[in-house]
Amino acid sequence: MELQHRLREAGLYDGPMNGRYNEDVEWGVGQYQQARELWSDGWGVYGPETRQWLESETAGR
């Protein structure tokens, strides 16, 4: 759910806060990566680089 909160804070997710990594979460992660040109994790994959960037820019709650 923390990822969903962070994506919502970034304006990239408006779905339910249920802790599921579904298509909407994947799309939000991919859009975040694309906007910041983060390619090492793979599009839509919440890997180390994407996580580091997202956590540095959001509060998570």
N, C-alpha and C. Protein backbone atom coordinates (compact mmCIF):
# COMPACT_ATOMS: atom_id res chain seq x y z
N MET A 1 0.81 -1.19 0.00
CA MET A 1 0.00 0.00 0.00
C MET A 1 0.86 1.26 0.00
N GLU A 2 2.06 1.17 0.52
CA GLU A 2 2.93 2.33 0.53
C GLU A 2 3.20 2.81 -0.89
N LEU A 3 3.45 1.89 -1.81
CA LEU A 3 3.68 2.27 -3.20
C LEU A 3 2.46 2.97 -3.76
N GLN A 4 1.28 2.46 -3.50
CA GLN A 4 0.06 3.09 -3.98
C GLN A 4 -0.07 4.50 -3.41
N HIS A 5 0.24 4.68 -2.14
CA HIS A 5 0.20 6.02 -1.54
C HIS A 5 1.19 6.96 -2.23
N ARG A 6 2.40 6.47 -2.47
CA ARG A 6 3.42 7.31 -3.10
C ARG A 6 3.03 7.67 -4.54
N LEU A 7 2.48 6.72 -5.26
CA LEU A 7 2.03 7.02 -6.63
C LEU A 7 0.86 8.00 -6.62
N ARG A 8 -0.02 7.86 -5.65
CA ARG A 8 -1.14 8.81 -5.53
C ARG A 8 -0.61 10.21 -5.24
N GLU A 9 0.35 10.28 -4.34
CA GLU A 9 0.96 11.57 -4.01
C GLU A 9 1.59 12.21 -5.25
N ALA A 10 2.15 11.39 -6.12
CA ALA A 10 2.78 11.89 -7.34
C ALA A 10 1.75 12.14 -8.45
N GLY A 11 0.47 11.86 -8.18
CA GLY A 11 -0.58 12.08 -9.16
C GLY A 11 -0.68 11.01 -10.22
N LEU A 12 -0.19 9.81 -9.91
CA LEU A 12 -0.13 8.74 -10.91
C LEU A 12 -0.98 7.52 -10.59
N TYR A 13 -1.78 7.60 -9.54
CA TYR A 13 -2.63 6.46 -9.17
C TYR A 13 -3.85 6.98 -8.44
N ASP A 14 -5.03 6.53 -8.86
CA ASP A 14 -6.24 6.94 -8.16
C ASP A 14 -7.15 5.75 -7.85
N GLY A 15 -6.57 4.57 -7.87
CA GLY A 15 -7.32 3.36 -7.59
C GLY A 15 -7.42 3.07 -6.10
N PRO A 16 -7.96 1.91 -5.75
CA PRO A 16 -8.11 1.53 -4.35
C PRO A 16 -6.75 1.27 -3.68
N MET A 17 -6.69 1.55 -2.40
CA MET A 17 -5.49 1.31 -1.62
C MET A 17 -5.61 -0.10 -1.02
N ASN A 18 -5.20 -1.09 -1.80
CA ASN A 18 -5.40 -2.47 -1.37
C ASN A 18 -4.11 -3.29 -1.35
N GLY A 19 -2.98 -2.67 -1.67
CA GLY A 19 -1.71 -3.39 -1.62
C GLY A 19 -1.44 -4.30 -2.80
N ARG A 20 -2.28 -4.26 -3.82
CA ARG A 20 -2.10 -5.13 -4.98
C ARG A 20 -1.33 -4.42 -6.08
N TYR A 21 -0.40 -5.13 -6.68
CA TYR A 21 0.38 -4.60 -7.80
C TYR A 21 -0.36 -4.98 -9.08
N ASN A 22 -1.37 -4.17 -9.43
CA ASN A 22 -2.17 -4.49 -10.60
C ASN A 22 -1.77 -3.62 -11.78
N GLU A 23 -2.55 -3.66 -12.86
CA GLU A 23 -2.24 -2.90 -14.07
C GLU A 23 -2.15 -1.41 -13.80
N ASP A 24 -3.02 -0.89 -12.95
CA ASP A 24 -3.02 0.55 -12.67
C ASP A 24 -1.75 0.97 -11.93
N VAL A 25 -1.29 0.14 -11.01
CA VAL A 25 -0.05 0.44 -10.29
C VAL A 25 1.12 0.35 -11.26
N GLU A 26 1.15 -0.69 -12.07
CA GLU A 26 2.22 -0.85 -13.05
C GLU A 26 2.26 0.35 -13.99
N TRP A 27 1.09 0.80 -14.45
CA TRP A 27 1.03 1.96 -15.34
C TRP A 27 1.60 3.19 -14.64
N GLY A 28 1.21 3.41 -13.37
CA GLY A 28 1.72 4.55 -12.61
C GLY A 28 3.22 4.51 -12.46
N VAL A 29 3.76 3.35 -12.15
CA VAL A 29 5.21 3.19 -12.03
C VAL A 29 5.88 3.47 -13.38
N GLY A 30 5.33 2.94 -14.44
CA GLY A 30 5.89 3.16 -15.77
C GLY A 30 5.87 4.62 -16.17
N GLN A 31 4.79 5.31 -15.87
CA GLN A 31 4.69 6.74 -16.18
C GLN A 31 5.70 7.54 -15.36
N TYR A 32 5.86 7.16 -14.11
CA TYR A 32 6.85 7.83 -13.26
C TYR A 32 8.25 7.64 -13.84
N GLN A 33 8.57 6.40 -14.21
CA GLN A 33 9.89 6.11 -14.79
C GLN A 33 10.10 6.88 -16.08
N GLN A 34 9.10 6.91 -16.92
CA GLN A 34 9.22 7.59 -18.21
C GLN A 34 9.48 9.08 -18.01
N ALA A 35 8.77 9.70 -17.09
CA ALA A 35 8.93 11.13 -16.84
C ALA A 35 10.33 11.47 -16.34
N ARG A 36 10.96 10.53 -15.65
CA ARG A 36 12.29 10.77 -15.08
C ARG A 36 13.42 10.03 -15.82
N GLU A 37 13.03 9.39 -16.91
CA GLU A 37 13.98 8.63 -17.73
C GLU A 37 14.75 7.60 -16.91
N LEU A 38 14.01 6.82 -16.14
CA LEU A 38 14.59 5.74 -15.33
C LEU A 38 14.34 4.43 -16.07
N TRP A 39 15.40 3.84 -16.60
CA TRP A 39 15.21 2.65 -17.44
C TRP A 39 15.84 1.39 -16.87
N SER A 40 16.63 1.47 -15.83
CA SER A 40 17.37 0.28 -15.38
C SER A 40 16.47 -0.81 -14.80
N ASP A 41 15.32 -0.45 -14.24
CA ASP A 41 14.44 -1.46 -13.63
C ASP A 41 13.52 -2.13 -14.64
N GLY A 42 13.34 -1.52 -15.79
CA GLY A 42 12.36 -2.01 -16.76
C GLY A 42 11.04 -1.29 -16.55
N TRP A 43 10.34 -0.98 -17.64
CA TRP A 43 9.10 -0.20 -17.56
C TRP A 43 8.07 -0.89 -16.68
N GLY A 44 7.58 -0.16 -15.70
CA GLY A 44 6.53 -0.67 -14.82
C GLY A 44 7.02 -1.57 -13.70
N VAL A 45 8.32 -1.77 -13.61
CA VAL A 45 8.89 -2.62 -12.56
C VAL A 45 9.39 -1.73 -11.43
N TYR A 46 8.90 -1.97 -10.23
CA TYR A 46 9.28 -1.17 -9.07
C TYR A 46 10.56 -1.73 -8.47
N GLY A 47 11.65 -1.48 -9.16
CA GLY A 47 12.96 -1.96 -8.74
C GLY A 47 13.72 -0.93 -7.94
N PRO A 48 15.00 -1.20 -7.65
CA PRO A 48 15.80 -0.35 -6.76
C PRO A 48 15.92 1.11 -7.19
N GLU A 49 16.17 1.35 -8.47
CA GLU A 49 16.34 2.74 -8.91
C GLU A 49 15.03 3.51 -8.81
N THR A 50 13.96 2.91 -9.28
CA THR A 50 12.66 3.57 -9.24
C THR A 50 12.24 3.82 -7.79
N ARG A 51 12.45 2.84 -6.95
CA ARG A 51 12.08 2.99 -5.54
C ARG A 51 12.87 4.12 -4.88
N GLN A 52 14.15 4.19 -5.14
CA GLN A 52 14.99 5.24 -4.55
C GLN A 52 14.48 6.62 -4.96
N TRP A 53 14.20 6.79 -6.23
CA TRP A 53 13.72 8.08 -6.73
C TRP A 53 12.35 8.42 -6.14
N LEU A 54 11.41 7.48 -6.19
CA LEU A 54 10.06 7.75 -5.72
C LEU A 54 10.06 8.05 -4.22
N GLU A 55 10.83 7.30 -3.47
CA GLU A 55 10.90 7.55 -2.02
C GLU A 55 11.52 8.89 -1.70
N SER A 56 12.44 9.37 -2.54
CA SER A 56 13.07 10.66 -2.29
C SER A 56 12.14 11.83 -2.62
N GLU A 57 11.10 11.58 -3.41
CA GLU A 57 10.21 12.65 -3.85
C GLU A 57 8.84 12.64 -3.18
N THR A 58 8.56 11.61 -2.40
CA THR A 58 7.23 11.50 -1.79
C THR A 58 7.36 11.11 -0.32
N ALA A 59 6.26 11.30 0.42
CA ALA A 59 6.25 10.98 1.84
C ALA A 59 5.74 9.57 2.12
N GLY A 60 4.92 9.04 1.23
CA GLY A 60 4.42 7.68 1.40
C GLY A 60 3.15 7.57 2.20
N ARG A 61 2.62 8.65 2.73
CA ARG A 61 1.34 8.65 3.47
C ARG A 61 0.67 9.97 3.35
